[in-house]
Protein backbone atom coordinates (compact mmCIF):
# COMPACT_ATOMS: atom_id res chain seq x y z
CA UNK A 1 32.09 -51.69 108.81
CA UNK A 2 34.18 -54.69 107.65
CA UNK A 3 37.52 -53.67 105.92
CA UNK A 4 38.82 -55.69 103.16
CA UNK A 5 42.36 -55.17 101.88
CA UNK A 6 43.29 -55.87 98.42
CA UNK A 7 46.39 -58.13 98.31
CA UNK A 8 47.50 -57.94 94.46
CA UNK A 9 47.75 -61.30 93.16
CA UNK A 10 46.59 -62.93 96.36
CA UNK A 11 42.54 -61.77 96.75
CA UNK A 12 40.75 -59.37 98.73
CA UNK A 13 39.76 -59.61 102.55
CA UNK A 14 38.88 -63.28 103.44
CA UNK A 15 38.55 -64.15 99.44
CA UNK A 16 41.49 -65.38 97.69
CA UNK A 17 42.00 -66.40 94.03
CA UNK A 18 41.90 -70.03 93.40
CA UNK A 19 39.28 -70.55 96.03
CA UNK A 20 36.21 -72.41 94.89
CA UNK A 21 32.68 -71.14 94.63
CA UNK A 22 31.39 -73.31 97.73
CA UNK A 23 34.53 -71.51 99.67
CA UNK A 24 33.74 -68.17 98.81
CA UNK A 25 29.85 -68.53 99.58
CA UNK A 26 30.65 -70.33 103.13
CA UNK A 27 33.05 -67.42 103.98
CA UNK A 28 30.76 -64.40 103.44
CA UNK A 29 28.07 -66.51 104.78
CA UNK A 30 30.44 -66.65 107.82
CA UNK A 31 30.54 -62.82 107.50
CA UNK A 32 26.38 -62.36 107.49
CA UNK A 33 25.95 -62.62 103.86
CA UNK A 34 24.32 -65.57 103.70
CA UNK A 35 23.15 -65.99 100.13
CA UNK A 36 24.80 -65.34 96.75
CA UNK A 37 23.00 -63.42 94.12
CA UNK A 38 23.62 -65.12 90.61
CA UNK A 39 24.96 -62.34 88.26
CA UNK A 40 25.63 -64.51 85.55
CA UNK A 41 26.47 -68.57 84.89
CA UNK A 42 30.08 -67.57 86.64
CA UNK A 43 29.58 -64.61 88.92
CA UNK A 44 28.37 -64.19 92.43
CA UNK A 45 27.15 -60.98 94.13
CA UNK A 46 27.43 -60.35 97.49
CA UNK A 47 26.22 -57.26 99.65
CA UNK A 48 23.84 -55.73 97.57
CA UNK A 49 25.70 -56.60 94.47
CA UNK A 50 28.32 -54.50 95.51
CA UNK A 51 30.67 -57.08 95.76
CA UNK A 52 31.34 -59.31 92.89
CA UNK A 53 33.12 -62.62 92.72
CA UNK A 54 34.19 -64.21 89.34
CA UNK A 55 35.13 -67.70 88.91
CA UNK A 56 36.71 -69.11 85.94
CA UNK A 57 35.76 -72.85 83.91
CA UNK A 58 36.63 -74.76 87.25
CA UNK A 59 34.49 -72.75 89.54
CA UNK A 60 37.68 -71.28 91.29
CA UNK A 61 38.18 -67.28 92.03
CA UNK A 62 39.63 -65.50 88.95
CA UNK A 63 38.35 -61.79 89.45
CA UNK A 64 36.90 -59.77 92.65
CA UNK A 65 35.32 -56.48 91.59
CA UNK A 66 33.76 -54.17 94.37
CA UNK A 67 31.60 -50.97 94.26
CA UNK A 68 31.50 -48.61 97.15
CA UNK A 69 29.46 -49.73 99.89
CA UNK A 70 28.17 -49.00 103.52
CA UNK A 71 28.72 -52.55 104.58
CA UNK A 72 32.64 -52.76 103.65
CA UNK A 73 35.59 -50.89 102.78
CA UNK A 74 37.93 -52.05 100.06
CA UNK A 75 41.74 -50.77 101.17
CA UNK A 76 44.89 -50.75 99.05
CA UNK A 77 47.58 -50.22 101.14
CA UNK A 78 45.52 -48.48 103.85
CA UNK A 79 43.69 -46.46 101.41
CA UNK A 80 40.29 -46.65 100.08
CA UNK A 81 40.46 -45.89 96.56
CA UNK A 82 36.81 -45.50 96.13
CA UNK A 83 36.95 -42.49 98.58
CA UNK A 84 39.46 -40.69 96.38
CA UNK A 85 38.96 -38.67 93.46
CA UNK A 86 39.73 -40.51 90.25
CA UNK A 87 43.03 -38.37 89.66
CA UNK A 88 44.32 -39.04 93.16
CA UNK A 89 43.62 -42.81 93.32
CA UNK A 90 45.48 -42.97 89.66
CA UNK A 91 48.61 -41.28 90.86
CA UNK A 92 48.43 -43.42 94.53
CA UNK A 93 48.11 -46.57 92.36
CA UNK A 94 50.93 -45.72 90.10
CA UNK A 95 53.37 -45.29 93.34
CA UNK A 96 53.34 -48.92 93.09
CA UNK A 97 53.00 -49.85 89.35
CA UNK A 98 52.27 -48.42 86.11
CA UNK A 99 48.88 -48.63 84.45
CA UNK A 100 48.58 -49.47 80.81
CA UNK A 101 48.71 -46.37 79.16
CA UNK A 102 47.53 -48.13 75.78
CA UNK A 103 44.16 -49.12 77.36
CA UNK A 104 41.41 -48.08 74.78
CA UNK A 105 39.19 -47.42 77.31
CA UNK A 106 41.61 -45.07 79.16
CA UNK A 107 40.16 -42.15 81.32
CA UNK A 108 37.17 -44.72 81.96
CA UNK A 109 39.50 -47.65 83.03
CA UNK A 110 42.97 -47.91 84.42
CA UNK A 111 44.35 -51.39 84.56
CA UNK A 112 47.63 -52.00 86.49
CA UNK A 113 49.07 -55.27 84.91
CA UNK A 114 51.78 -55.66 87.40
CA UNK A 115 49.20 -55.56 90.16
CA UNK A 116 46.34 -57.27 88.12
CA UNK A 117 44.31 -54.34 89.68
CA UNK A 118 41.66 -52.23 87.72
CA UNK A 119 40.15 -48.81 88.83
CA UNK A 120 36.65 -48.11 86.72
CA UNK A 121 34.14 -45.61 86.17
CA UNK A 122 30.79 -45.27 83.78
CA UNK A 123 31.27 -41.81 82.84
CA UNK A 124 34.11 -38.95 82.61
CA UNK A 125 33.17 -35.88 84.94
CA UNK A 126 31.66 -33.01 83.38
CA UNK A 127 31.26 -29.66 84.66
CA UNK A 128 28.06 -29.23 84.95
CA UNK A 129 27.62 -32.70 86.94
CA UNK A 130 27.87 -33.19 91.06
CA UNK A 131 30.52 -36.00 91.72
CA UNK A 132 29.28 -38.30 88.55
CA UNK A 133 32.58 -39.51 87.03
CA UNK A 134 34.78 -37.76 89.92
CA UNK A 135 35.18 -41.19 91.93
CA UNK A 136 35.80 -44.65 90.45
CA UNK A 137 32.66 -46.83 90.74
CA UNK A 138 34.37 -50.12 90.67
CA UNK A 139 37.81 -51.54 91.95
CA UNK A 140 38.77 -54.87 90.73
CA UNK A 141 41.41 -57.34 91.45
CA UNK A 142 42.68 -60.75 89.16
CA UNK A 143 44.37 -63.53 89.68
CA UNK A 144 47.75 -63.57 87.85
CA UNK A 145 47.57 -63.24 84.52
CA UNK A 146 43.62 -62.00 84.39
CA UNK A 147 44.70 -58.81 82.66
CA UNK A 148 47.33 -60.10 80.15
CA UNK A 149 44.72 -60.87 77.52
């Protein structure tokens, strides 16, 4: 399994903010991911849609988001945020920066502006479900200023 470290404000694994779409496709092709699937005009998907790269108007990387995958593992400070229960993941990242406590989607998403890092889940956990909502569905990293809107 490939390991992609999250380097806040720099990139995720071999993909760096500011790289061109063509550069990203070439890098991932070199890792055995030969073709990107187009999700929208500005987003390419790789590894069965689990690794998504979004581009700005100049076709340069501005945001990278990943779901849990059997093909790669995203690591922040050596830890897989996908493998931690949500409360543990929030506490772990909070050691390095505060999250936006005014986020209108707090509970579903946690954005750490100083790191330009996000954690997201589609549903909140319920007592009658197994693991639904107990782990984050996606971990995202943005270029400087991405979450400043």
